[in-house]
Amino acid sequence: MKLFLLTAFATILALSVLSPGTASAKGTRTPKLKPTPVPEKINAKGAKIAKVGGNSITIAYSKTSTDYKMTNETRINIDGKRAGSADLRPGMHVEVDVSALNPTVLLSLSATSVQNK
């Protein structure tokens, strides 16, 4: 009887030490997940297009201006309608969404034509 209990105890002890659950839990950490970047909306009062050329655009704010890069994925709307970069003109009021990973890349641009003001 003592031999049976001793064997059972040794078996349980060996299984608990060698089981994959405890072996994998030792020394491992759950990686921390980084939050998904969210586009940053830029809608400064009085933001206007200062210059457009090729795949770049300069947006002028009150006393400063910023250059942005437009890509094939940049969504452009003028007066609520889909448009292309060739339709953008200096003086248009704009609201832009930039990439959180690279704030110089435009994700989308909404412009209001000068005639509607």
Protein backbone atom coordinates (compact mmCIF):
# COMPACT_ATOMS: atom_id res chain seq x y z
CA MET A 1 0.00 0.00 0.00
CA LYS A 2 2.84 2.38 0.92
CA LEU A 3 4.61 1.50 -2.30
CA PHE A 4 1.42 2.26 -4.30
CA LEU A 5 0.99 5.69 -2.63
CA LEU A 6 4.66 6.51 -3.09
CA THR A 7 4.48 5.55 -6.80
CA ALA A 8 1.26 7.55 -7.31
CA PHE A 9 2.75 10.59 -5.57
CA ALA A 10 5.96 10.38 -7.64
CA THR A 11 3.94 10.07 -10.86
CA ILE A 12 1.76 13.09 -10.03
CA LEU A 13 4.82 15.13 -9.07
CA ALA A 14 6.64 14.17 -12.29
CA LEU A 15 3.61 15.02 -14.44
CA SER A 16 3.11 18.40 -12.78
CA VAL A 17 6.76 19.39 -13.24
CA LEU A 18 7.07 18.13 -16.81
CA SER A 19 3.64 19.12 -18.11
CA PRO A 20 3.68 21.51 -21.09
CA GLY A 21 1.33 23.93 -19.32
CA THR A 22 3.82 24.81 -16.63
CA ALA A 23 6.83 24.62 -18.90
CA SER A 24 5.39 27.09 -21.41
CA ALA A 25 4.12 29.42 -18.71
CA LYS A 26 7.58 29.73 -17.21
CA GLY A 27 9.47 32.77 -18.42
CA THR A 28 7.06 33.77 -21.20
CA ARG A 29 5.20 37.03 -21.35
CA THR A 30 2.19 38.07 -23.34
CA PRO A 31 3.31 40.71 -25.82
CA LYS A 32 1.75 44.13 -25.34
CA LEU A 33 -0.36 45.10 -28.33
CA LYS A 34 0.21 48.53 -29.83
CA PRO A 35 -2.92 50.53 -30.55
CA THR A 36 -3.94 50.93 -34.17
CA PRO A 37 -2.94 54.37 -35.44
CA VAL A 38 -5.87 56.68 -35.99
CA PRO A 39 -5.79 59.37 -38.67
CA GLU A 40 -5.18 62.82 -37.28
CA LYS A 41 -7.75 65.37 -38.46
CA ILE A 42 -6.37 68.79 -39.19
CA ASN A 43 -8.97 71.50 -39.55
CA ALA A 44 -7.31 74.72 -38.55
CA LYS A 45 -9.51 77.76 -38.87
CA GLY A 46 -8.70 79.45 -42.13
CA ALA A 47 -6.71 76.54 -43.61
CA LYS A 48 -6.31 77.09 -47.34
CA ILE A 49 -4.38 75.56 -50.20
CA ALA A 50 -1.32 77.71 -50.83
CA LYS A 51 0.32 75.67 -53.60
CA VAL A 52 -0.37 72.43 -55.51
CA GLY A 53 2.19 70.66 -57.67
CA GLY A 54 2.56 67.03 -58.72
CA ASN A 55 2.04 64.83 -55.70
CA SER A 56 2.61 67.56 -53.10
CA ILE A 57 0.39 70.26 -51.65
CA THR A 58 1.09 73.16 -49.31
CA ILE A 59 -1.62 74.02 -46.80
CA ALA A 60 -1.42 77.48 -45.21
CA TYR A 61 -2.75 78.00 -41.70
CA SER A 62 -2.98 81.35 -39.92
CA LYS A 63 0.76 82.18 -39.91
CA THR A 64 2.34 78.89 -40.94
CA SER A 65 2.24 76.46 -43.82
CA THR A 66 2.83 72.72 -44.10
CA ASP A 67 3.80 70.60 -47.09
CA TYR A 68 2.04 67.23 -47.52
CA LYS A 69 2.54 64.34 -49.91
CA MET A 70 -0.42 62.89 -51.82
CA THR A 71 -0.42 59.21 -52.80
CA ASN A 72 -2.61 57.08 -55.08
CA GLU A 73 -4.66 56.22 -51.98
CA THR A 74 -5.33 59.85 -50.99
CA ARG A 75 -9.08 60.52 -51.19
CA ILE A 76 -9.88 63.98 -52.53
CA ASN A 77 -13.32 65.59 -52.33
CA ILE A 78 -14.26 69.05 -53.56
CA ASP A 79 -17.64 70.38 -52.44
CA GLY A 80 -18.58 66.85 -51.38
CA LYS A 81 -17.81 65.26 -54.76
CA ARG A 82 -14.93 62.95 -55.64
CA ALA A 83 -12.10 64.77 -57.43
CA GLY A 84 -8.45 64.45 -58.40
CA SER A 85 -5.37 66.40 -57.41
CA ALA A 86 -5.51 68.31 -60.73
CA ASP A 87 -8.83 69.83 -59.58
CA LEU A 88 -7.28 71.45 -56.50
CA ARG A 89 -6.64 75.19 -56.67
CA PRO A 90 -4.84 77.67 -54.41
CA GLY A 91 -7.25 79.52 -52.12
CA MET A 92 -9.61 76.56 -51.53
CA HIS A 93 -10.52 76.01 -47.89
CA VAL A 94 -9.49 72.51 -46.77
CA GLU A 95 -9.74 69.90 -44.06
CA VAL A 96 -7.20 67.08 -44.21
CA ASP A 97 -6.63 63.71 -42.55
CA VAL A 98 -2.98 62.73 -42.26
CA SER A 99 -1.35 59.41 -41.49
CA ALA A 100 -0.56 58.91 -37.80
CA LEU A 101 2.50 56.91 -38.84
CA ASN A 102 3.81 59.59 -41.19
CA PRO A 103 2.14 62.97 -40.60
CA THR A 104 3.40 64.35 -43.92
CA VAL A 105 1.26 61.90 -45.95
CA LEU A 106 -2.34 62.85 -46.72
CA LEU A 107 -4.99 60.17 -46.30
CA SER A 108 -7.86 62.40 -47.38
CA LEU A 109 -8.56 66.00 -48.26
CA SER A 110 -11.91 67.80 -48.33
CA ALA A 111 -11.90 71.15 -50.08
CA THR A 112 -14.46 73.86 -50.64
CA SER A 113 -14.17 75.72 -53.90
CA VAL A 114 -13.61 79.46 -53.76
CA GLN A 115 -16.70 80.26 -55.91
CA ASN A 116 -19.08 78.80 -53.27
CA LYS A 117 -17.98 81.30 -50.62
